[in-house]
Amino acid sequence: MPARALLHDLFDLTGQVAVVIGGTGELCGAMAEGLAGAGARVVLAGRSEAKAAARLERIRAGGGEGCFVAVEAASRESLVALREESLARYGRIDILVNGAGINAATPFLEISDAEYARIFEVNTGAVFRACQVFGEYFVREKVRASIINVGSMSGLVPLSRVFSYSMSKAAVHNLSRNLAREWAPLGIRVNTLVPGFFPAEQNRQVLNAERVENILRHTAAGRFGEAEELVGATLLLASARAGSFLNGMELVVDGGYSAMTI
């Protein structure tokens, strides 16, 4: 088989449907656009219809297909409605991306119970519920699905000033590996995509000049990542062919951040 044909065959998602929770954000929006470019029909799930409209315009301009469905990621009822509307529109679901997230830079001794609970409700609870809601469909219908949970470098190694966020993402990493073990016999793959430092909305509120300097000094590439640089890893994890034996892994996309010491 010619090389170009092989590459197309390995990563082709034609006929598949991807639900991207957090797809109205910068990082997951780029991931959704990449999935659409590989042939998947995408459901952008989030709060902002305006942000979704701009992303869908780009997807359609590239020949892709998609729609927006409003969702409250931490609400089980909203997630069930998202699943059912996605099935009503497209008749199937093959790929789930869990990318909703919030952050805070509150000093540890000042973190309130309310802030702690809110961060865990969105960052961990939403992923837990989505995996249940969509996993029930995958198991019942015997779908050989791919679940991509968006983790964080701070879920792997300590990162100052984001205590609750780091804890919540570490729980997502653990959940992903547990589900990978549980559902592997059913052909359902669960992996964690681990971005390094990217210009996501939740990062901007905790960055200042000193912190940016420290991050760049600790990143081998010497820069922040661009959202589009997550697309290749997303397609690898999503593809039932290219990623068929990838399960329970933490795929780090960090420009060498985790390779640096001093």
C-alpha atoms as a PDB file:
ATOM      1  CA  MET A   1       0.000   0.000   0.000  1.00  0.00           C
ATOM      2  CA  PRO A   2       1.390   3.457  -0.904  1.00  0.00           C
ATOM      3  CA  ALA A   3       2.536   5.484   2.092  1.00  0.00           C
ATOM      4  CA  ARG A   4      -0.088   8.214   1.674  1.00  0.00           C
ATOM      5  CA  ALA A   5      -2.864   5.636   1.388  1.00  0.00           C
ATOM      6  CA  LEU A   6      -1.577   3.856   4.477  1.00  0.00           C
ATOM      7  CA  LEU A   7      -1.558   7.071   6.507  1.00  0.00           C
ATOM      8  CA  HIS A   8      -5.094   7.876   5.384  1.00  0.00           C
ATOM      9  CA  ASP A   9      -6.277   4.382   6.259  1.00  0.00           C
ATOM     10  CA  LEU A  10      -4.670   4.434   9.693  1.00  0.00           C
ATOM     11  CA  PHE A  11      -6.212   7.731  10.771  1.00  0.00           C
ATOM     12  CA  ASP A  12      -9.439   7.830   8.752  1.00  0.00           C
ATOM     13  CA  LEU A  13     -12.508   8.439  10.969  1.00  0.00           C
ATOM     14  CA  THR A  14     -15.085   8.590   8.192  1.00  0.00           C
ATOM     15  CA  GLY A  15     -18.502   7.470   9.396  1.00  0.00           C
ATOM     16  CA  GLN A  16     -17.639   7.879  13.064  1.00  0.00           C
ATOM     17  CA  VAL A  17     -19.126  10.356  15.529  1.00  0.00           C
ATOM     18  CA  ALA A  18     -17.111  12.197  18.172  1.00  0.00           C
ATOM     19  CA  VAL A  19     -18.659  13.982  21.154  1.00  0.00           C
ATOM     20  CA  VAL A  20     -16.247  16.604  22.457  1.00  0.00           C
ATOM     21  CA  ILE A  21     -17.199  17.918  25.895  1.00  0.00           C
ATOM     22  CA  GLY A  22     -15.428  21.249  26.262  1.00  0.00           C
ATOM     23  CA  GLY A  23     -15.386  21.557  22.479  1.00  0.00           C
ATOM     24  CA  THR A  24     -16.220  25.262  22.664  1.00  0.00           C
ATOM     25  CA  GLY A  25     -12.857  25.936  24.346  1.00  0.00           C
ATOM     26  CA  GLU A  26      -9.545  26.580  22.630  1.00  0.00           C
ATOM     27  CA  LEU A  27      -7.823  23.242  23.168  1.00  0.00           C
ATOM     28  CA  CYS A  28     -10.761  20.873  22.772  1.00  0.00           C
ATOM     29  CA  GLY A  29     -12.077  23.013  19.924  1.00  0.00           C
ATOM     30  CA  ALA A  30      -8.842  22.415  18.022  1.00  0.00           C
ATOM     31  CA  MET A  31      -9.073  18.716  18.855  1.00  0.00           C
ATOM     32  CA  ALA A  32     -12.644  18.624  17.538  1.00  0.00           C
ATOM     33  CA  GLU A  33     -11.587  20.390  14.360  1.00  0.00           C
ATOM     34  CA  GLY A  34      -8.868  17.786  13.874  1.00  0.00           C
ATOM     35  CA  LEU A  35     -11.341  14.931  14.376  1.00  0.00           C
ATOM     36  CA  ALA A  36     -13.644  16.507  11.795  1.00  0.00           C
ATOM     37  CA  GLY A  37     -10.749  16.872   9.381  1.00  0.00           C
ATOM     38  CA  ALA A  38     -10.158  13.121   9.663  1.00  0.00           C
ATOM     39  CA  GLY A  39     -13.779  12.477   8.673  1.00  0.00           C
ATOM     40  CA  ALA A  40     -15.659  12.264  11.969  1.00  0.00           C
ATOM     41  CA  ARG A  41     -18.898  14.109  12.535  1.00  0.00           C
ATOM     42  CA  VAL A  42     -18.379  16.107  15.706  1.00  0.00           C
ATOM     43  CA  VAL A  43     -20.675  17.283  18.464  1.00  0.00           C
ATOM     44  CA  LEU A  44     -19.268  20.381  20.154  1.00  0.00           C
ATOM     45  CA  ALA A  45     -20.616  20.240  23.697  1.00  0.00           C
ATOM     46  CA  GLY A  46     -20.230  23.250  25.949  1.00  0.00           C
ATOM     47  CA  ARG A  47     -21.848  26.415  27.188  1.00  0.00           C
ATOM     48  CA  SER A  48     -21.045  29.008  24.539  1.00  0.00           C
ATOM     49  CA  GLU A  49     -23.016  28.745  21.328  1.00  0.00           C
ATOM     50  CA  ALA A  50     -21.137  31.758  19.953  1.00  0.00           C
ATOM     51  CA  LYS A  51     -17.754  30.055  20.385  1.00  0.00           C
ATOM     52  CA  ALA A  52     -19.175  26.862  18.902  1.00  0.00           C
ATOM     53  CA  ALA A  53     -20.486  28.768  15.877  1.00  0.00           C
ATOM     54  CA  ALA A  54     -17.022  30.117  15.061  1.00  0.00           C
ATOM     55  CA  ARG A  55     -15.467  26.674  15.371  1.00  0.00           C
ATOM     56  CA  LEU A  56     -18.222  25.011  13.330  1.00  0.00           C
ATOM     57  CA  GLU A  57     -17.681  27.578  10.587  1.00  0.00           C
ATOM     58  CA  ARG A  58     -14.046  26.494  10.381  1.00  0.00           C
ATOM     59  CA  ILE A  59     -15.016  22.817  10.417  1.00  0.00           C
ATOM     60  CA  ARG A  60     -17.547  23.261   7.625  1.00  0.00           C
ATOM     61  CA  ALA A  61     -15.161  25.390   5.593  1.00  0.00           C
ATOM     62  CA  GLY A  62     -12.811  22.422   5.650  1.00  0.00           C
ATOM     63  CA  GLY A  63     -15.509  20.066   4.441  1.00  0.00           C
ATOM     64  CA  GLY A  64     -16.352  18.641   7.859  1.00  0.00           C
ATOM     65  CA  GLU A  65     -19.662  18.166   9.607  1.00  0.00           C
ATOM     66  CA  GLY A  66     -20.700  19.006  13.137  1.00  0.00           C
ATOM     67  CA  CYS A  67     -23.202  20.601  15.491  1.00  0.00           C
ATOM     68  CA  PHE A  68     -23.411  22.311  18.867  1.00  0.00           C
ATOM     69  CA  VAL A  69     -25.220  20.890  21.888  1.00  0.00           C
ATOM     70  CA  ALA A  70     -25.375  22.894  25.093  1.00  0.00           C
ATOM     71  CA  VAL A  71     -24.282  20.964  28.174  1.00  0.00           C
ATOM     72  CA  GLU A  72     -23.578  21.490  31.842  1.00  0.00           C
ATOM     73  CA  ALA A  73     -20.699  19.069  32.142  1.00  0.00           C
ATOM     74  CA  ALA A  74     -21.150  18.471  35.865  1.00  0.00           C
ATOM     75  CA  SER A  75     -24.853  17.559  35.500  1.00  0.00           C
ATOM     76  CA  ARG A  76     -25.751  13.907  34.910  1.00  0.00           C
ATOM     77  CA  GLU A  77     -29.130  14.906  33.447  1.00  0.00           C
ATOM     78  CA  SER A  78     -27.449  17.279  31.013  1.00  0.00           C
ATOM     79  CA  LEU A  79     -24.949  14.607  29.979  1.00  0.00           C
ATOM     80  CA  VAL A  80     -27.746  12.100  29.362  1.00  0.00           C
ATOM     81  CA  ALA A  81     -29.507  14.703  27.222  1.00  0.00           C
ATOM     82  CA  LEU A  82     -26.253  15.272  25.314  1.00  0.00           C
ATOM     83  CA  ARG A  83     -25.890  11.562  24.642  1.00  0.00           C
ATOM     84  CA  GLU A  84     -29.464  11.198  23.469  1.00  0.00           C
ATOM     85  CA  GLU A  85     -29.363  14.284  21.235  1.00  0.00           C
ATOM     86  CA  SER A  86     -26.087  13.126  19.692  1.00  0.00           C
ATOM     87  CA  LEU A  87     -27.641   9.727  18.946  1.00  0.00           C
ATOM     88  CA  ALA A  88     -30.796  11.347  17.559  1.00  0.00           C
ATOM     89  CA  ARG A  89     -28.735  13.526  15.209  1.00  0.00           C
ATOM     90  CA  TYR A  90     -26.143  11.026  14.029  1.00  0.00           C
ATOM     91  CA  GLY A  91     -27.326   7.567  15.093  1.00  0.00           C
ATOM     92  CA  ARG A  92     -24.098   6.536  16.794  1.00  0.00           C
ATOM     93  CA  ILE A  93     -21.215   7.655  19.014  1.00  0.00           C
ATOM     94  CA  ASP A  94     -17.699   6.253  18.670  1.00  0.00           C
ATOM     95  CA  ILE A  95     -15.401   8.760  20.355  1.00  0.00           C
ATOM     96  CA  LEU A  96     -15.792  10.710  23.598  1.00  0.00           C
ATOM     97  CA  VAL A  97     -13.477  13.541  24.591  1.00  0.00           C
ATOM     98  CA  ASN A  98     -13.772  14.809  28.168  1.00  0.00           C
ATOM     99  CA  GLY A  99     -12.145  18.220  28.261  1.00  0.00           C
ATOM    100  CA  ALA A 100     -14.196  20.509  30.503  1.00  0.00           C
ATOM    101  CA  GLY A 101     -12.104  22.116  33.221  1.00  0.00           C
ATOM    102  CA  ILE A 102     -11.677  25.054  35.597  1.00  0.00           C
ATOM    103  CA  ASN A 103      -8.701  26.312  37.570  1.00  0.00           C
ATOM    104  CA  ALA A 104      -7.810  28.605  40.470  1.00  0.00           C
ATOM    105  CA  ALA A 105      -4.571  29.901  41.944  1.00  0.00           C
ATOM    106  CA  THR A 106      -5.739  30.311  45.530  1.00  0.00           C
ATOM    107  CA  PRO A 107      -3.006  29.807  48.154  1.00  0.00           C
ATOM    108  CA  PHE A 108      -3.443  26.452  49.865  1.00  0.00           C
ATOM    109  CA  LEU A 109      -4.448  27.738  53.300  1.00  0.00           C
ATOM    110  CA  GLU A 110      -7.051  30.015  51.714  1.00  0.00           C
ATOM    111  CA  ILE A 111      -8.865  27.426  49.588  1.00  0.00           C
ATOM    112  CA  SER A 112     -12.478  27.346  50.699  1.00  0.00           C
ATOM    113  CA  ASP A 113     -14.606  24.226  50.833  1.00  0.00           C
ATOM    114  CA  ALA A 114     -16.816  25.749  48.141  1.00  0.00           C
ATOM    115  CA  GLU A 115     -13.902  26.375  45.744  1.00  0.00           C
ATOM    116  CA  TYR A 116     -12.465  22.908  46.359  1.00  0.00           C
ATOM    117  CA  ALA A 117     -15.839  21.263  45.757  1.00  0.00           C
ATOM    118  CA  ARG A 118     -16.489  23.277  42.592  1.00  0.00           C
ATOM    119  CA  ILE A 119     -13.136  22.384  41.016  1.00  0.00           C
ATOM    120  CA  PHE A 120     -13.603  18.693  41.771  1.00  0.00           C
ATOM    121  CA  GLU A 121     -17.211  18.804  40.580  1.00  0.00           C
ATOM    122  CA  VAL A 122     -16.175  20.058  37.142  1.00  0.00           C
ATOM    123  CA  ASN A 123     -12.719  18.567  36.643  1.00  0.00           C
ATOM    124  CA  THR A 124     -13.315  15.133  38.156  1.00  0.00           C
ATOM    125  CA  GLY A 125     -17.054  14.689  38.678  1.00  0.00           C
ATOM    126  CA  ALA A 126     -17.907  15.697  35.119  1.00  0.00           C
ATOM    127  CA  VAL A 127     -15.452  13.158  33.692  1.00  0.00           C
ATOM    128  CA  PHE A 128     -16.687  10.451  36.049  1.00  0.00           C
ATOM    129  CA  ARG A 129     -20.320  11.046  35.074  1.00  0.00           C
ATOM    130  CA  ALA A 130     -19.617  11.346  31.355  1.00  0.00           C
ATOM    131  CA  CYS A 131     -17.702   8.068  31.397  1.00  0.00           C
ATOM    132  CA  GLN A 132     -20.685   6.461  33.111  1.00  0.00           C
ATOM    133  CA  VAL A 133     -23.314   8.003  30.842  1.00  0.00           C
ATOM    134  CA  PHE A 134     -21.530   7.335  27.561  1.00  0.00           C
ATOM    135  CA  GLY A 135     -19.875   4.158  28.808  1.00  0.00           C
ATOM    136  CA  GLU A 136     -23.306   2.665  29.452  1.00  0.00           C
ATOM    137  CA  TYR A 137     -24.104   3.187  25.767  1.00  0.00           C
ATOM    138  CA  PHE A 138     -20.742   1.824  24.603  1.00  0.00           C
ATOM    139  CA  VAL A 139     -21.090  -1.316  26.733  1.00  0.00           C
ATOM    140  CA  ARG A 140     -24.748  -1.923  25.891  1.00  0.00           C
ATOM    141  CA  GLU A 141     -24.301  -1.438  22.152  1.00  0.00           C
ATOM    142  CA  LYS A 142     -20.901  -3.199  22.044  1.00  0.00           C
ATOM    143  CA  VAL A 143     -19.200  -0.134  20.559  1.00  0.00           C
ATOM    144  CA  ARG A 144     -15.444  -0.440  20.215  1.00  0.00           C
ATOM    145  CA  ALA A 145     -15.104   3.127  21.393  1.00  0.00           C
ATOM    146  CA  SER A 146     -12.281   5.482  22.286  1.00  0.00           C
ATOM    147  CA  ILE A 147     -12.552   7.681  25.374  1.00  0.00           C
ATOM    148  CA  ILE A 148      -9.995  10.469  25.611  1.00  0.00           C
ATOM    149  CA  ASN A 149      -9.869  12.188  28.995  1.00  0.00           C
ATOM    150  CA  VAL A 150      -7.892  15.427  29.054  1.00  0.00           C
ATOM    151  CA  GLY A 151      -5.538  15.347  31.999  1.00  0.00           C
ATOM    152  CA  SER A 152      -2.760  17.733  32.980  1.00  0.00           C
ATOM    153  CA  MET A 153       0.954  17.779  33.559  1.00  0.00           C
ATOM    154  CA  SER A 154       0.079  18.888  37.096  1.00  0.00           C
ATOM    155  CA  GLY A 155      -1.730  15.571  37.517  1.00  0.00           C
ATOM    156  CA  LEU A 156       1.616  13.812  37.051  1.00  0.00           C
ATOM    157  CA  VAL A 157       4.107  16.081  38.827  1.00  0.00           C
ATOM    158  CA  PRO A 158       3.569  18.790  41.457  1.00  0.00           C
ATOM    159  CA  LEU A 159       2.852  22.272  40.169  1.00  0.00           C
ATOM    160  CA  SER A 160       2.751  25.236  42.506  1.00  0.00           C
ATOM    161  CA  ARG A 161      -0.304  27.449  43.087  1.00  0.00           C
ATOM    162  CA  VAL A 162      -2.933  25.086  41.619  1.00  0.00           C
ATOM    163  CA  PHE A 163      -3.479  22.622  44.444  1.00  0.00           C
ATOM    164  CA  SER A 164      -7.121  21.663  43.899  1.00  0.00           C
ATOM    165  CA  TYR A 165      -6.737  21.609  40.130  1.00  0.00           C
ATOM    166  CA  SER A 166      -3.718  19.295  40.351  1.00  0.00           C
ATOM    167  CA  MET A 167      -5.517  16.933  42.733  1.00  0.00           C
ATOM    168  CA  SER A 168      -8.610  16.841  40.527  1.00  0.00           C
ATOM    169  CA  LYS A 169      -6.599  16.062  37.396  1.00  0.00           C
ATOM    170  CA  ALA A 170      -4.608  13.348  39.165  1.00  0.00           C
ATOM    171  CA  ALA A 171      -7.933  11.687  39.923  1.00  0.00           C
ATOM    172  CA  VAL A 172      -8.829  11.839  36.210  1.00  0.00           C
ATOM    173  CA  HIS A 173      -5.561  10.061  35.358  1.00  0.00           C
ATOM    174  CA  ASN A 174      -6.352   7.329  37.876  1.00  0.00           C
ATOM    175  CA  LEU A 175      -9.934   6.925  36.685  1.00  0.00           C
ATOM    176  CA  SER A 176      -8.771   6.592  33.081  1.00  0.00           C
ATOM    177  CA  ARG A 177      -6.378   3.784  33.907  1.00  0.00           C
ATOM    178  CA  ASN A 178      -8.997   1.973  35.974  1.00  0.00           C
ATOM    179  CA  LEU A 179     -11.552   2.166  33.174  1.00  0.00           C
ATOM    180  CA  ALA A 180      -8.967   1.063  30.620  1.00  0.00           C
ATOM    181  CA  ARG A 181      -8.412  -2.065  32.684  1.00  0.00           C
ATOM    182  CA  GLU A 182     -12.137  -2.614  33.227  1.00  0.00           C
ATOM    183  CA  TRP A 183     -13.308  -2.147  29.644  1.00  0.00           C
ATOM    184  CA  ALA A 184     -10.360  -3.451  27.613  1.00  0.00           C
ATOM    185  CA  PRO A 185     -12.027  -6.895  27.128  1.00  0.00           C
ATOM    186  CA  LEU A 186     -14.966  -5.070  25.518  1.00  0.00           C
ATOM    187  CA  GLY A 187     -12.790  -3.233  23.020  1.00  0.00           C
ATOM    188  CA  ILE A 188     -13.297   0.142  24.716  1.00  0.00           C
ATOM    189  CA  ARG A 189     -10.053   2.099  25.019  1.00  0.00           C
ATOM    190  CA  VAL A 190      -9.610   4.806  27.658  1.00  0.00           C
ATOM    191  CA  ASN A 191      -6.562   7.050  27.532  1.00  0.00           C
ATOM    192  CA  THR A 192      -5.425  10.344  29.032  1.00  0.00           C
ATOM    193  CA  LEU A 193      -4.134  13.140  26.834  1.00  0.00           C
ATOM    194  CA  VAL A 194      -1.733  15.193  28.927  1.00  0.00           C
ATOM    195  CA  PRO A 195      -1.044  18.722  27.641  1.00  0.00           C
ATOM    196  CA  GLY A 196       1.893  20.675  28.930  1.00  0.00           C
ATOM    197  CA  PHE A 197       1.482  24.462  28.909  1.00  0.00           C
ATOM    198  CA  PHE A 198      -0.955  25.699  26.296  1.00  0.00           C
ATOM    199  CA  PRO A 199      -2.908  28.983  26.015  1.00  0.00           C
ATOM    200  CA  ALA A 200      -6.106  27.539  27.503  1.00  0.00           C
ATOM    201  CA  GLU A 201      -8.587  29.827  29.250  1.00  0.00           C
ATOM    202  CA  GLN A 202      -8.029  28.279  32.686  1.00  0.00           C
ATOM    203  CA  ASN A 203      -4.253  28.829  32.401  1.00  0.00           C
ATOM    204  CA  ARG A 204      -4.390  32.545  31.685  1.00  0.00           C
ATOM    205  CA  GLN A 205      -5.874  33.420  35.053  1.00  0.00           C
ATOM    206  CA  VAL A 206      -2.967  31.851  36.948  1.00  0.00           C
ATOM    207  CA  LEU A 207      -0.134  33.216  34.796  1.00  0.00           C
ATOM    208  CA  ASN A 208       1.988  36.268  35.485  1.00  0.00           C
ATOM    209  CA  ALA A 209       5.316  37.367  34.014  1.00  0.00           C
ATOM    210  CA  GLU A 210       7.405  35.509  36.590  1.00  0.00           C
ATOM    211  CA  ARG A 211       5.423  32.287  36.172  1.00  0.00           C
ATOM    212  CA  VAL A 212       5.633  32.459  32.380  1.00  0.00           C
ATOM    213  CA  GLU A 213       9.405  32.896  32.620  1.00  0.00           C
ATOM    214  CA  ASN A 214       9.686  29.877  34.931  1.00  0.00           C
ATOM    215  CA  ILE A 215       7.540  27.722  32.636  1.00  0.00           C
ATOM    216  CA  LEU A 216       9.511  28.603  29.525  1.00  0.00           C
ATOM    217  CA  ARG A 217      12.810  27.994  31.322  1.00  0.00           C
ATOM    218  CA  HIS A 218      11.516  24.521  32.237  1.00  0.00           C
ATOM    219  CA  THR A 219      10.205  23.703  28.734  1.00  0.00           C
ATOM    220  CA  ALA A 220      12.788  22.306  26.323  1.00  0.00           C
ATOM    221  CA  ALA A 221      11.006  23.846  23.329  1.00  0.00           C
ATOM    222  CA  GLY A 222      11.235  27.257  24.988  1.00  0.00           C
ATOM    223  CA  ARG A 223       7.638  28.204  24.209  1.00  0.00           C
ATOM    224  CA  PHE A 224       4.002  27.433  24.943  1.00  0.00           C
ATOM    225  CA  GLY A 225       2.204  24.866  22.822  1.00  0.00           C
ATOM    226  CA  GLU A 226      -0.267  25.801  20.115  1.00  0.00           C
ATOM    227  CA  ALA A 227      -3.728  24.243  20.320  1.00  0.00           C
ATOM    228  CA  GLU A 228      -3.312  22.603  16.901  1.00  0.00           C
ATOM    229  CA  GLU A 229      -0.332  20.669  18.275  1.00  0.00           C
ATOM    230  CA  LEU A 230      -2.747  18.458  20.211  1.00  0.00           C
ATOM    231  CA  VAL A 231      -4.454  17.240  17.040  1.00  0.00           C
ATOM    232  CA  GLY A 232      -1.946  14.546  16.101  1.00  0.00           C
ATOM    233  CA  ALA A 233      -2.084  12.954  19.544  1.00  0.00           C
ATOM    234  CA  THR A 234      -5.878  13.166  19.509  1.00  0.00           C
ATOM    235  CA  LEU A 235      -6.134  11.354  16.181  1.00  0.00           C
ATOM    236  CA  LEU A 236      -3.716   8.680  17.354  1.00  0.00           C
ATOM    237  CA  LEU A 237      -5.811   7.982  20.455  1.00  0.00           C
ATOM    238  CA  ALA A 238      -9.123   8.221  18.594  1.00  0.00           C
ATOM    239  CA  SER A 239      -8.268   5.949  15.692  1.00  0.00           C
ATOM    240  CA  ALA A 240      -9.304   2.327  16.073  1.00  0.00           C
ATOM    241  CA  ARG A 241      -6.492   1.381  13.694  1.00  0.00           C
ATOM    242  CA  ALA A 242      -3.548   3.649  14.454  1.00  0.00           C
ATOM    243  CA  GLY A 243      -4.217   3.503  18.194  1.00  0.00           C
ATOM    244  CA  SER A 244      -5.687   0.020  18.461  1.00  0.00           C
ATOM    245  CA  PHE A 245      -3.192  -1.143  21.126  1.00  0.00           C
ATOM    246  CA  LEU A 246      -3.046   2.137  23.050  1.00  0.00           C
ATOM    247  CA  ASN A 247      -5.041   1.751  26.236  1.00  0.00           C
ATOM    248  CA  GLY A 248      -4.598   3.120  29.735  1.00  0.00           C
ATOM    249  CA  MET A 249      -1.757   5.364  28.633  1.00  0.00           C
ATOM    250  CA  GLU A 250      -0.903   8.953  29.485  1.00  0.00           C
ATOM    251  CA  LEU A 251       0.146  10.586  26.234  1.00  0.00           C
ATOM    252  CA  VAL A 252       2.187  13.658  27.149  1.00  0.00           C
ATOM    253  CA  VAL A 253       2.327  16.587  24.717  1.00  0.00           C
ATOM    254  CA  ASP A 254       4.492  19.116  26.527  1.00  0.00           C
ATOM    255  CA  GLY A 255       7.366  20.363  24.359  1.00  0.00           C
ATOM    256  CA  GLY A 256       9.831  18.579  26.616  1.00  0.00           C
ATOM    257  CA  TYR A 257       8.613  20.078  29.912  1.00  0.00           C
ATOM    258  CA  SER A 258       8.685  16.691  31.651  1.00  0.00           C
ATOM    259  CA  ALA A 259      12.197  15.989  30.317  1.00  0.00           C
ATOM    260  CA  MET A 260      13.731  19.016  32.059  1.00  0.00           C
ATOM    261  CA  THR A 261      15.295  19.193  35.503  1.00  0.00           C
ATOM    262  CA  ILE A 262      17.928  21.898  35.957  1.00  0.00           C
END
